[in-house]
Structures are given as C-alpha cells and as structure tokens.
Amino acid sequence: MKYIKTISLAVLFLGVSQINAQKKTTNDIKKKETVQQKPVDNPTKCSNIKEGTFLRINYPENLWYMTVKDNVQTEFYNDGKDHIKSSMVFVDDCNYKLIVLEKTQESNPIKVGDVFSNKVIATMDNYIKIQSKVDNNQFDLVLIKAKTK
C-alpha cells in the first residue's frame, strides 16, 4: 500500500512539472515574438534610397532588382536583359521625382518621359517603404536594400 502511495505521489509531481515546463515554453515563445517585432525608424532614414542595390519582397532577383547610383535609378527585369533607367531629382530628403530616360522592353506601358512622384514613407533597418504616384495611379513598394560585400 505504501508503495502505491509513493508511485501515485511521484506521478502527480511528474505531471505538475510537465505542466510548468509547457507554460515556460509558451511564455518563452511569446517573449521571442515580441522581441522580433521592431518599430520603424524614427526619424525615417530617407538617405537609404540614394545609393545601393534593392530587391522587392517576394520577388526573385532574376525577375526584378534595382540599382541606384549618382542620382540614376535602373530597374532590371528578365534576368537583367531588360531595364528602365530614370533620373532621380530630389525635392527634399524624402521626396523625389523619377523621370524615365530609357527603356528596353517595348511592351512595357511605362514611356520615356514619364514622371513618377515618390516618397519614402517608412524605413526599418534595410527595408524601405516607398509611395509612388504616376498619372492617377498610386502604389506602395517595399524594398530591401541588399547588403554590400
């Protein structure tokens, strides 16, 4: 009888320790999720767009990437075979105009001479969110600035 009581007590302690272990694991996961959510840069780091190589979220590099150097933005498509080159004219630190200078793909609806009004609306580390307007259309882009080697 004493042996059964001892085993029952051991099983009870084992069960309680398993419950406490699961609670700690759940709390640890919640803490990690909280830490991973970083706030946007304040103030916005608008100068991040002025030079570098940029990728779009969820786009493979062979479909689209962009380079910016010396106030010239070049977007590459189709494994770099096609491109759109634009001049960047900065209105202020976070606002700039893109004037399309040349393009290689005739079927692309963008025309030489088109003017895009762009605004850097948020940054977070290497991420840049840009609001772009052309004619009566407006869209947001999220770019990742590729790390330099």
C-alpha atoms as a PDB file:
ATOM      1  CA  MET A   1       0.000   0.000   0.000  1.00  0.00           C
ATOM      2  CA  LYS A   2       2.839   2.354   0.891  1.00  0.00           C
ATOM      3  CA  TYR A   3       4.432   1.520  -2.478  1.00  0.00           C
ATOM      4  CA  ILE A   4       1.247   2.557  -4.372  1.00  0.00           C
ATOM      5  CA  LYS A   5       1.064   5.868  -2.485  1.00  0.00           C
ATOM      6  CA  THR A   6       4.691   6.615  -3.351  1.00  0.00           C
ATOM      7  CA  ILE A   7       4.144   5.870  -7.049  1.00  0.00           C
ATOM      8  CA  SER A   8       0.952   7.973  -7.091  1.00  0.00           C
ATOM      9  CA  LEU A   9       2.765  10.883  -5.485  1.00  0.00           C
ATOM     10  CA  ALA A  10       5.658  10.587  -7.970  1.00  0.00           C
ATOM     11  CA  VAL A  11       3.220  10.561 -10.926  1.00  0.00           C
ATOM     12  CA  LEU A  12       1.485  13.659  -9.511  1.00  0.00           C
ATOM     13  CA  PHE A  13       4.788  15.569  -9.189  1.00  0.00           C
ATOM     14  CA  LEU A  14       5.821  14.487 -12.679  1.00  0.00           C
ATOM     15  CA  GLY A  15       2.526  15.752 -14.115  1.00  0.00           C
ATOM     16  CA  VAL A  16       2.846  19.126 -12.349  1.00  0.00           C
ATOM     17  CA  SER A  17       6.428  19.564 -13.535  1.00  0.00           C
ATOM     18  CA  GLN A  18       5.347  18.822 -17.150  1.00  0.00           C
ATOM     19  CA  ILE A  19       2.604  21.462 -16.935  1.00  0.00           C
ATOM     20  CA  ASN A  20       5.090  24.043 -15.581  1.00  0.00           C
ATOM     21  CA  ALA A  21       7.563  23.189 -18.351  1.00  0.00           C
ATOM     22  CA  GLN A  22       4.890  23.734 -21.026  1.00  0.00           C
ATOM     23  CA  LYS A  23       3.911  27.086 -19.509  1.00  0.00           C
ATOM     24  CA  LYS A  24       7.554  28.236 -19.561  1.00  0.00           C
ATOM     25  CA  THR A  25       7.954  27.175 -23.199  1.00  0.00           C
ATOM     26  CA  THR A  26       4.789  29.053 -24.210  1.00  0.00           C
ATOM     27  CA  ASN A  27       5.919  32.184 -22.345  1.00  0.00           C
ATOM     28  CA  ASP A  28       9.385  31.977 -23.955  1.00  0.00           C
ATOM     29  CA  ILE A  29       7.817  31.813 -27.428  1.00  0.00           C
ATOM     30  CA  LYS A  30       5.634  34.854 -26.679  1.00  0.00           C
ATOM     31  CA  LYS A  31       8.691  36.792 -25.454  1.00  0.00           C
ATOM     32  CA  LYS A  32      10.639  35.917 -28.627  1.00  0.00           C
ATOM     33  CA  GLU A  33       7.729  37.028 -30.851  1.00  0.00           C
ATOM     34  CA  THR A  34       7.567  40.345 -29.014  1.00  0.00           C
ATOM     35  CA  VAL A  35      11.300  40.951 -29.408  1.00  0.00           C
ATOM     36  CA  GLN A  36      11.227  40.214 -33.161  1.00  0.00           C
ATOM     37  CA  GLN A  37       8.714  42.979 -33.922  1.00  0.00           C
ATOM     38  CA  LYS A  38      10.925  46.041 -34.326  1.00  0.00           C
ATOM     39  CA  PRO A  39       9.499  49.541 -34.666  1.00  0.00           C
ATOM     40  CA  VAL A  40      10.034  51.593 -37.801  1.00  0.00           C
ATOM     41  CA  ASP A  41      12.962  54.005 -37.820  1.00  0.00           C
ATOM     42  CA  ASN A  42      12.181  57.347 -36.256  1.00  0.00           C
ATOM     43  CA  PRO A  43      13.123  59.563 -37.974  1.00  0.00           C
ATOM     44  CA  THR A  44      12.805  57.818 -41.327  1.00  0.00           C
ATOM     45  CA  LYS A  45      16.216  57.126 -42.913  1.00  0.00           C
ATOM     46  CA  CYS A  46      15.385  58.564 -46.327  1.00  0.00           C
ATOM     47  CA  SER A  47      19.034  58.632 -47.430  1.00  0.00           C
ATOM     48  CA  ASN A  48      18.917  54.807 -47.671  1.00  0.00           C
ATOM     49  CA  ILE A  49      17.339  55.138 -51.146  1.00  0.00           C
ATOM     50  CA  LYS A  50      20.132  57.359 -52.544  1.00  0.00           C
ATOM     51  CA  GLU A  51      22.577  54.565 -53.400  1.00  0.00           C
ATOM     52  CA  GLY A  52      22.683  50.774 -53.472  1.00  0.00           C
ATOM     53  CA  THR A  53      21.083  47.654 -54.864  1.00  0.00           C
ATOM     54  CA  PHE A  54      17.473  46.950 -53.950  1.00  0.00           C
ATOM     55  CA  LEU A  55      15.203  43.919 -54.127  1.00  0.00           C
ATOM     56  CA  ARG A  56      11.440  43.613 -53.798  1.00  0.00           C
ATOM     57  CA  ILE A  57       9.886  41.463 -51.116  1.00  0.00           C
ATOM     58  CA  ASN A  58       8.679  38.126 -52.527  1.00  0.00           C
ATOM     59  CA  TYR A  59      10.325  38.736 -55.932  1.00  0.00           C
ATOM     60  CA  PRO A  60      13.260  36.607 -57.014  1.00  0.00           C
ATOM     61  CA  GLU A  61      16.254  38.699 -58.037  1.00  0.00           C
ATOM     62  CA  ASN A  62      16.116  37.354 -61.600  1.00  0.00           C
ATOM     63  CA  LEU A  63      12.605  38.835 -62.031  1.00  0.00           C
ATOM     64  CA  TRP A  64      13.361  42.327 -60.693  1.00  0.00           C
ATOM     65  CA  TYR A  65      16.101  44.274 -58.968  1.00  0.00           C
ATOM     66  CA  MET A  66      17.111  47.911 -58.916  1.00  0.00           C
ATOM     67  CA  THR A  67      20.356  49.849 -58.630  1.00  0.00           C
ATOM     68  CA  VAL A  68      20.771  53.490 -57.629  1.00  0.00           C
ATOM     69  CA  LYS A  69      23.989  55.422 -58.152  1.00  0.00           C
ATOM     70  CA  ASP A  70      24.739  59.084 -58.869  1.00  0.00           C
ATOM     71  CA  ASN A  71      21.010  60.008 -58.964  1.00  0.00           C
ATOM     72  CA  VAL A  72      20.277  57.382 -61.626  1.00  0.00           C
ATOM     73  CA  GLN A  73      17.853  54.565 -60.845  1.00  0.00           C
ATOM     74  CA  THR A  74      17.934  51.491 -63.082  1.00  0.00           C
ATOM     75  CA  GLU A  75      15.336  48.727 -62.740  1.00  0.00           C
ATOM     76  CA  PHE A  76      16.314  45.381 -64.256  1.00  0.00           C
ATOM     77  CA  TYR A  77      13.872  42.705 -65.468  1.00  0.00           C
ATOM     78  CA  ASN A  78      14.109  39.302 -67.131  1.00  0.00           C
ATOM     79  CA  ASP A  79      17.476  38.235 -65.690  1.00  0.00           C
ATOM     80  CA  GLY A  80      18.867  41.710 -66.340  1.00  0.00           C
ATOM     81  CA  LYS A  81      18.127  41.588 -70.084  1.00  0.00           C
ATOM     82  CA  ASP A  82      15.645  44.482 -69.934  1.00  0.00           C
ATOM     83  CA  HIS A  83      15.809  47.697 -67.955  1.00  0.00           C
ATOM     84  CA  ILE A  84      14.208  51.061 -67.260  1.00  0.00           C
ATOM     85  CA  LYS A  85      16.629  53.883 -66.468  1.00  0.00           C
ATOM     86  CA  SER A  86      15.403  57.012 -64.692  1.00  0.00           C
ATOM     87  CA  SER A  87      16.904  60.230 -63.401  1.00  0.00           C
ATOM     88  CA  MET A  88      16.258  60.935 -59.697  1.00  0.00           C
ATOM     89  CA  VAL A  89      15.554  64.571 -58.796  1.00  0.00           C
ATOM     90  CA  PHE A  90      15.290  65.066 -55.035  1.00  0.00           C
ATOM     91  CA  VAL A  91      12.734  67.641 -53.897  1.00  0.00           C
ATOM     92  CA  ASP A  92      13.806  67.159 -50.266  1.00  0.00           C
ATOM     93  CA  ASP A  93      15.316  64.325 -48.198  1.00  0.00           C
ATOM     94  CA  CYS A  94      12.290  62.024 -48.503  1.00  0.00           C
ATOM     95  CA  ASN A  95      10.583  63.148 -51.736  1.00  0.00           C
ATOM     96  CA  TYR A  96      11.933  62.717 -55.237  1.00  0.00           C
ATOM     97  CA  LYS A  97      10.827  62.603 -58.852  1.00  0.00           C
ATOM     98  CA  LEU A  98      11.798  59.858 -61.280  1.00  0.00           C
ATOM     99  CA  ILE A  99      11.994  60.890 -64.917  1.00  0.00           C
ATOM    100  CA  VAL A 100      12.184  57.907 -67.266  1.00  0.00           C
ATOM    101  CA  LEU A 101      15.181  58.300 -69.588  1.00  0.00           C
ATOM    102  CA  GLU A 102      15.216  54.983 -71.438  1.00  0.00           C
ATOM    103  CA  LYS A 103      13.667  51.537 -71.553  1.00  0.00           C
ATOM    104  CA  THR A 104      14.461  48.381 -73.479  1.00  0.00           C
ATOM    105  CA  GLN A 105      11.169  46.475 -73.463  1.00  0.00           C
ATOM    106  CA  GLU A 106       8.689  47.972 -75.950  1.00  0.00           C
ATOM    107  CA  SER A 107       5.680  46.181 -74.437  1.00  0.00           C
ATOM    108  CA  ASN A 108       6.204  47.857 -71.043  1.00  0.00           C
ATOM    109  CA  PRO A 109       3.497  50.547 -70.554  1.00  0.00           C
ATOM    110  CA  ILE A 110       5.987  52.979 -68.988  1.00  0.00           C
ATOM    111  CA  LYS A 111       7.088  55.593 -71.528  1.00  0.00           C
ATOM    112  CA  VAL A 112      10.267  57.630 -71.852  1.00  0.00           C
ATOM    113  CA  GLY A 113       9.482  60.993 -70.262  1.00  0.00           C
ATOM    114  CA  ASP A 114       7.027  59.610 -67.659  1.00  0.00           C
ATOM    115  CA  VAL A 115       7.428  61.313 -64.274  1.00  0.00           C
ATOM    116  CA  PHE A 116       6.875  59.405 -61.036  1.00  0.00           C
ATOM    117  CA  SER A 117       6.499  61.269 -57.726  1.00  0.00           C
ATOM    118  CA  ASN A 118       7.995  59.120 -54.970  1.00  0.00           C
ATOM    119  CA  LYS A 119       8.067  59.498 -51.219  1.00  0.00           C
ATOM    120  CA  VAL A 120       9.962  57.390 -48.677  1.00  0.00           C
ATOM    121  CA  ILE A 121       7.231  56.848 -46.084  1.00  0.00           C
ATOM    122  CA  ALA A 122       8.959  54.413 -43.708  1.00  0.00           C
ATOM    123  CA  THR A 123      12.229  52.601 -43.099  1.00  0.00           C
ATOM    124  CA  MET A 124      13.233  49.782 -40.781  1.00  0.00           C
ATOM    125  CA  ASP A 125      16.829  48.593 -40.904  1.00  0.00           C
ATOM    126  CA  ASN A 126      17.345  47.671 -44.596  1.00  0.00           C
ATOM    127  CA  TYR A 127      13.634  47.864 -45.502  1.00  0.00           C
ATOM    128  CA  ILE A 128      12.293  50.922 -47.313  1.00  0.00           C
ATOM    129  CA  LYS A 129       8.614  51.633 -47.997  1.00  0.00           C
ATOM    130  CA  ILE A 130       8.015  53.975 -50.925  1.00  0.00           C
ATOM    131  CA  GLN A 131       4.762  55.550 -52.081  1.00  0.00           C
ATOM    132  CA  SER A 132       4.831  56.135 -55.832  1.00  0.00           C
ATOM    133  CA  LYS A 133       2.416  58.197 -57.947  1.00  0.00           C
ATOM    134  CA  VAL A 134       2.172  58.427 -61.715  1.00  0.00           C
ATOM    135  CA  ASP A 135      -0.789  59.931 -63.585  1.00  0.00           C
ATOM    136  CA  ASN A 136      -3.820  58.998 -61.439  1.00  0.00           C
ATOM    137  CA  ASN A 137      -2.276  55.818 -60.031  1.00  0.00           C
ATOM    138  CA  GLN A 138      -0.700  55.391 -56.613  1.00  0.00           C
ATOM    139  CA  PHE A 139       1.005  52.320 -55.192  1.00  0.00           C
ATOM    140  CA  ASP A 140       3.310  51.359 -52.333  1.00  0.00           C
ATOM    141  CA  LEU A 141       6.517  49.387 -52.752  1.00  0.00           C
ATOM    142  CA  VAL A 142       8.548  47.689 -50.040  1.00  0.00           C
ATOM    143  CA  LEU A 143      12.190  47.312 -50.973  1.00  0.00           C
ATOM    144  CA  ILE A 144      15.089  45.602 -49.250  1.00  0.00           C
ATOM    145  CA  LYS A 145      18.467  47.228 -49.560  1.00  0.00           C
ATOM    146  CA  ALA A 146      20.951  44.485 -50.339  1.00  0.00           C
ATOM    147  CA  LYS A 147      23.951  44.349 -48.067  1.00  0.00           C
ATOM    148  CA  THR A 148      27.188  45.397 -49.681  1.00  0.00           C
ATOM    149  CA  LYS A 149      30.009  42.883 -49.694  1.00  0.00           C
END
